[in-house]
Amino acid sequence: MAIKHATDANFTENINGALTLVDFWAPWCGPCRMFGPIFEATSEAITDVNFVKFEVNDENRNTPTRFGIRGIPCVLAFKNGELVEARSGLMDQDTLTDWIMELKGS
């Protein structure tokens, strides 16, 4: 499934529905650049989950503030638009996949 890109303006419409993972990132963040390909590969392997990227920048400050994002990369998991869990820091693909399977089971 293709990764969607969210902003403050369209964030809510991107998290409604099925299990959705949102990767908060920035291009200047080294760990974010390392995590990007992992997030993308996982999105291609697990097609029944929505994957969204949210670039933290001056134009998009409201959403990270609303969810208390203080460090990136940070991945928030939503079900039907409701935040269910958050994880900060770099994850490898196995860890991300295991977390998704836990979320799908709950």
N, C-alpha and C. Protein backbone atom coordinates (compact mmCIF):
# COMPACT_ATOMS: atom_id res chain seq x y z
N MET A 1 0.85 -1.18 0.00
CA MET A 1 0.00 0.00 0.00
C MET A 1 0.89 1.24 0.00
N ALA A 2 0.52 2.22 -0.74
CA ALA A 2 1.30 3.44 -0.82
C ALA A 2 1.24 4.21 0.49
N ILE A 3 2.35 4.81 0.82
CA ILE A 3 2.40 5.65 2.01
C ILE A 3 1.74 6.98 1.68
N LYS A 4 0.90 7.43 2.60
CA LYS A 4 0.26 8.73 2.46
C LYS A 4 1.12 9.77 3.19
N HIS A 5 0.94 11.02 2.81
CA HIS A 5 1.66 12.10 3.47
C HIS A 5 0.65 13.06 4.07
N ALA A 6 0.79 13.30 5.37
CA ALA A 6 -0.17 14.14 6.09
C ALA A 6 0.45 15.47 6.46
N THR A 7 -0.43 16.44 6.67
CA THR A 7 -0.07 17.76 7.16
C THR A 7 -1.06 18.11 8.27
N ASP A 8 -0.86 19.27 8.89
CA ASP A 8 -1.86 19.72 9.87
C ASP A 8 -3.25 19.77 9.24
N ALA A 9 -3.32 20.21 7.98
CA ALA A 9 -4.60 20.42 7.31
C ALA A 9 -5.35 19.13 7.03
N ASN A 10 -4.66 18.03 6.75
CA ASN A 10 -5.36 16.80 6.37
C ASN A 10 -5.10 15.63 7.33
N PHE A 11 -4.57 15.92 8.50
CA PHE A 11 -4.20 14.84 9.42
C PHE A 11 -5.39 13.95 9.79
N THR A 12 -6.48 14.55 10.21
CA THR A 12 -7.63 13.77 10.69
C THR A 12 -8.17 12.83 9.63
N GLU A 13 -8.26 13.29 8.39
CA GLU A 13 -8.78 12.42 7.33
C GLU A 13 -7.83 11.26 7.03
N ASN A 14 -6.56 11.40 7.35
CA ASN A 14 -5.59 10.34 7.10
C ASN A 14 -5.56 9.27 8.18
N ILE A 15 -6.13 9.55 9.36
CA ILE A 15 -6.07 8.56 10.44
C ILE A 15 -7.40 7.87 10.71
N ASN A 16 -8.45 8.26 10.01
CA ASN A 16 -9.75 7.61 10.22
C ASN A 16 -9.76 6.25 9.56
N GLY A 17 -10.47 5.32 10.16
CA GLY A 17 -10.62 4.00 9.55
C GLY A 17 -9.74 2.96 10.20
N ALA A 18 -9.15 2.13 9.37
CA ALA A 18 -8.39 0.96 9.82
C ALA A 18 -7.18 1.38 10.65
N LEU A 19 -6.47 0.38 11.13
CA LEU A 19 -5.24 0.63 11.86
C LEU A 19 -4.32 1.49 11.00
N THR A 20 -3.85 2.59 11.58
CA THR A 20 -3.00 3.54 10.88
C THR A 20 -1.78 3.85 11.72
N LEU A 21 -0.61 3.78 11.09
CA LEU A 21 0.63 4.17 11.75
C LEU A 21 1.11 5.47 11.12
N VAL A 22 1.45 6.44 11.97
CA VAL A 22 1.93 7.73 11.49
C VAL A 22 3.36 7.92 11.97
N ASP A 23 4.27 8.08 11.02
CA ASP A 23 5.68 8.32 11.30
C ASP A 23 5.94 9.82 11.28
N PHE A 24 6.23 10.38 12.46
CA PHE A 24 6.61 11.79 12.56
C PHE A 24 8.12 11.85 12.36
N TRP A 25 8.55 12.66 11.39
CA TRP A 25 9.95 12.67 11.00
C TRP A 25 10.35 14.06 10.48
N ALA A 26 11.65 14.22 10.24
CA ALA A 26 12.18 15.44 9.61
C ALA A 26 13.39 15.06 8.78
N PRO A 27 13.62 15.76 7.66
CA PRO A 27 14.74 15.41 6.80
C PRO A 27 16.11 15.63 7.44
N TRP A 28 16.21 16.48 8.44
CA TRP A 28 17.48 16.75 9.10
C TRP A 28 17.80 15.73 10.19
N CYS A 29 16.88 14.81 10.46
CA CYS A 29 17.02 13.83 11.54
C CYS A 29 17.64 12.54 11.01
N GLY A 30 18.87 12.23 11.46
CA GLY A 30 19.57 11.02 11.00
C GLY A 30 18.79 9.74 11.26
N PRO A 31 18.33 9.50 12.50
CA PRO A 31 17.54 8.29 12.75
C PRO A 31 16.26 8.22 11.91
N CYS A 32 15.68 9.38 11.62
CA CYS A 32 14.48 9.41 10.76
C CYS A 32 14.81 8.93 9.36
N ARG A 33 15.95 9.37 8.85
CA ARG A 33 16.35 8.96 7.50
C ARG A 33 16.66 7.46 7.47
N MET A 34 17.15 6.91 8.57
CA MET A 34 17.40 5.47 8.63
C MET A 34 16.08 4.70 8.73
N PHE A 35 15.11 5.26 9.46
CA PHE A 35 13.83 4.58 9.67
C PHE A 35 12.93 4.64 8.44
N GLY A 36 13.06 5.67 7.62
CA GLY A 36 12.19 5.85 6.45
C GLY A 36 12.10 4.62 5.56
N PRO A 37 13.22 4.03 5.13
CA PRO A 37 13.15 2.83 4.29
C PRO A 37 12.54 1.63 5.01
N ILE A 38 12.72 1.55 6.31
CA ILE A 38 12.12 0.45 7.09
C ILE A 38 10.60 0.61 7.10
N PHE A 39 10.14 1.84 7.34
CA PHE A 39 8.71 2.12 7.35
C PHE A 39 8.10 1.81 5.98
N GLU A 40 8.80 2.21 4.92
CA GLU A 40 8.31 1.97 3.56
C GLU A 40 8.27 0.47 3.23
N ALA A 41 9.31 -0.26 3.56
CA ALA A 41 9.34 -1.70 3.29
C ALA A 41 8.23 -2.42 4.06
N THR A 42 7.99 -1.99 5.28
CA THR A 42 6.93 -2.60 6.08
C THR A 42 5.57 -2.30 5.47
N SER A 43 5.40 -1.10 4.93
CA SER A 43 4.12 -0.75 4.30
C SER A 43 3.86 -1.61 3.07
N GLU A 44 4.92 -2.02 2.39
CA GLU A 44 4.76 -2.89 1.22
C GLU A 44 4.48 -4.33 1.63
N ALA A 45 4.97 -4.74 2.80
CA ALA A 45 4.77 -6.11 3.28
C ALA A 45 3.43 -6.31 3.98
N ILE A 46 2.94 -5.27 4.64
CA ILE A 46 1.69 -5.36 5.41
C ILE A 46 0.70 -4.40 4.76
N THR A 47 -0.14 -4.92 3.90
CA THR A 47 -0.99 -4.07 3.07
C THR A 47 -2.36 -3.75 3.67
N ASP A 48 -2.69 -4.35 4.81
CA ASP A 48 -4.00 -4.07 5.41
C ASP A 48 -3.91 -3.03 6.52
N VAL A 49 -2.82 -2.30 6.58
CA VAL A 49 -2.60 -1.23 7.56
C VAL A 49 -2.28 0.03 6.77
N ASN A 50 -2.79 1.17 7.23
CA ASN A 50 -2.48 2.45 6.60
C ASN A 50 -1.17 2.99 7.17
N PHE A 51 -0.29 3.44 6.30
CA PHE A 51 0.99 4.02 6.70
C PHE A 51 1.01 5.47 6.23
N VAL A 52 1.31 6.36 7.17
CA VAL A 52 1.29 7.79 6.91
C VAL A 52 2.59 8.41 7.43
N LYS A 53 3.15 9.32 6.65
CA LYS A 53 4.32 10.08 7.09
C LYS A 53 3.90 11.52 7.33
N PHE A 54 4.43 12.08 8.41
CA PHE A 54 4.13 13.47 8.77
C PHE A 54 5.45 14.18 9.01
N GLU A 55 5.79 15.10 8.10
CA GLU A 55 7.04 15.85 8.25
C GLU A 55 6.85 16.98 9.26
N VAL A 56 7.64 16.93 10.31
CA VAL A 56 7.60 17.96 11.35
C VAL A 56 8.40 19.15 10.83
N ASN A 57 7.73 20.28 10.63
CA ASN A 57 8.40 21.49 10.15
C ASN A 57 7.61 22.70 10.61
N ASP A 58 8.08 23.88 10.24
CA ASP A 58 7.44 25.12 10.70
C ASP A 58 5.99 25.24 10.27
N GLU A 59 5.65 24.69 9.09
CA GLU A 59 4.28 24.77 8.60
C GLU A 59 3.35 23.76 9.27
N ASN A 60 3.92 22.73 9.88
CA ASN A 60 3.13 21.65 10.46
C ASN A 60 3.52 21.42 11.92
N ARG A 61 3.21 22.39 12.76
CA ARG A 61 3.57 22.30 14.18
C ARG A 61 2.40 21.90 15.07
N ASN A 62 1.17 22.14 14.62
CA ASN A 62 0.02 21.92 15.50
C ASN A 62 -0.18 20.45 15.86
N THR A 63 -0.09 19.57 14.89
CA THR A 63 -0.35 18.15 15.15
C THR A 63 0.70 17.55 16.09
N PRO A 64 2.00 17.75 15.85
CA PRO A 64 2.98 17.21 16.80
C PRO A 64 2.78 17.77 18.21
N THR A 65 2.43 19.04 18.32
CA THR A 65 2.18 19.64 19.63
C THR A 65 0.97 18.99 20.29
N ARG A 66 -0.08 18.78 19.51
CA ARG A 66 -1.31 18.17 20.04
C ARG A 66 -1.06 16.80 20.65
N PHE A 67 -0.14 16.03 20.03
CA PHE A 67 0.13 14.68 20.52
C PHE A 67 1.38 14.60 21.40
N GLY A 68 1.96 15.75 21.73
CA GLY A 68 3.09 15.76 22.65
C GLY A 68 4.37 15.16 22.07
N ILE A 69 4.55 15.28 20.77
CA ILE A 69 5.76 14.74 20.13
C ILE A 69 6.94 15.62 20.55
N ARG A 70 7.90 15.02 21.24
CA ARG A 70 9.06 15.77 21.71
C ARG A 70 10.35 15.28 21.06
N GLY A 71 10.32 14.10 20.46
CA GLY A 71 11.48 13.54 19.80
C GLY A 71 11.04 12.74 18.60
N ILE A 72 11.91 12.70 17.59
CA ILE A 72 11.60 11.96 16.38
C ILE A 72 12.77 11.05 16.04
N PRO A 73 12.55 9.95 15.35
CA PRO A 73 11.25 9.51 14.83
C PRO A 73 10.32 9.06 15.96
N CYS A 74 9.06 9.28 15.72
CA CYS A 74 8.02 8.85 16.66
C CYS A 74 6.87 8.32 15.81
N VAL A 75 6.40 7.12 16.14
CA VAL A 75 5.31 6.51 15.40
C VAL A 75 4.10 6.40 16.33
N LEU A 76 2.99 6.98 15.88
CA LEU A 76 1.73 6.88 16.61
C LEU A 76 0.83 5.89 15.90
N ALA A 77 0.15 5.06 16.67
CA ALA A 77 -0.79 4.08 16.12
C ALA A 77 -2.21 4.53 16.45
N PHE A 78 -3.06 4.55 15.43
CA PHE A 78 -4.45 4.95 15.57
C PHE A 78 -5.35 3.82 15.09
N LYS A 79 -6.47 3.65 15.78
CA LYS A 79 -7.54 2.77 15.32
C LYS A 79 -8.81 3.60 15.30
N ASN A 80 -9.46 3.64 14.14
CA ASN A 80 -10.69 4.42 13.97
C ASN A 80 -10.52 5.86 14.44
N GLY A 81 -9.36 6.43 14.17
CA GLY A 81 -9.11 7.83 14.51
C GLY A 81 -8.68 8.09 15.93
N GLU A 82 -8.61 7.05 16.75
CA GLU A 82 -8.24 7.20 18.15
C GLU A 82 -6.81 6.71 18.37
N LEU A 83 -6.01 7.50 19.08
CA LEU A 83 -4.65 7.11 19.41
C LEU A 83 -4.68 5.92 20.36
N VAL A 84 -3.95 4.85 20.01
CA VAL A 84 -3.91 3.67 20.86
C VAL A 84 -2.53 3.41 21.47
N GLU A 85 -1.48 3.88 20.79
CA GLU A 85 -0.14 3.66 21.33
C GLU A 85 0.86 4.51 20.56
N ALA A 86 1.99 4.79 21.20
CA ALA A 86 3.06 5.55 20.57
C ALA A 86 4.39 4.90 20.89
N ARG A 87 5.32 4.99 19.94
CA ARG A 87 6.68 4.50 20.14
C ARG A 87 7.65 5.51 19.57
N SER A 88 8.68 5.83 20.33
CA SER A 88 9.69 6.78 19.89
C SER A 88 11.00 6.06 19.63
N GLY A 89 11.77 6.61 18.72
CA GLY A 89 13.09 6.08 18.44
C GLY A 89 13.10 5.16 17.24
N LEU A 90 14.30 4.84 16.84
CA LEU A 90 14.52 3.99 15.67
C LEU A 90 14.11 2.55 15.97
N MET A 91 13.35 1.94 15.07
CA MET A 91 12.97 0.53 15.18
C MET A 91 13.46 -0.20 13.94
N ASP A 92 13.85 -1.47 14.12
CA ASP A 92 14.17 -2.27 12.93
C ASP A 92 12.86 -2.86 12.39
N GLN A 93 12.92 -3.48 11.22
CA GLN A 93 11.70 -3.96 10.58
C GLN A 93 11.02 -5.06 11.39
N ASP A 94 11.78 -5.94 12.02
CA ASP A 94 11.17 -7.00 12.83
C ASP A 94 10.41 -6.42 14.01
N THR A 95 11.00 -5.43 14.67
CA THR A 95 10.34 -4.80 15.82
C THR A 95 9.07 -4.09 15.38
N LEU A 96 9.13 -3.36 14.27
CA LEU A 96 7.95 -2.68 13.75
C LEU A 96 6.87 -3.68 13.36
N THR A 97 7.24 -4.74 12.70
CA THR A 97 6.27 -5.76 12.28
C THR A 97 5.64 -6.44 13.50
N ASP A 98 6.44 -6.78 14.49
CA ASP A 98 5.91 -7.40 15.72
C ASP A 98 4.91 -6.47 16.40
N TRP A 99 5.24 -5.18 16.47
CA TRP A 99 4.34 -4.21 17.09
C TRP A 99 3.02 -4.14 16.33
N ILE A 100 3.09 -4.12 15.02
CA ILE A 100 1.87 -4.08 14.21
C ILE A 100 1.01 -5.31 14.47
N MET A 101 1.63 -6.46 14.54
CA MET A 101 0.87 -7.69 14.81
C MET A 101 0.21 -7.63 16.19
N GLU A 102 0.89 -7.08 17.16
CA GLU A 102 0.29 -6.89 18.50
C GLU A 102 -0.91 -5.95 18.41
N LEU A 103 -0.76 -4.86 17.69
CA LEU A 103 -1.85 -3.89 17.54
C LEU A 103 -3.05 -4.51 16.82
N LYS A 104 -2.78 -5.31 15.82
CA LYS A 104 -3.87 -5.96 15.06
C LYS A 104 -4.61 -6.96 15.93
N GLY A 105 -3.90 -7.56 16.89
CA GLY A 105 -4.52 -8.56 17.76
C GLY A 105 -5.35 -7.95 18.87
N SER A 106 -5.11 -6.68 19.17
CA SER A 106 -5.83 -6.06 20.30
C SER A 106 -7.12 -5.41 19.88
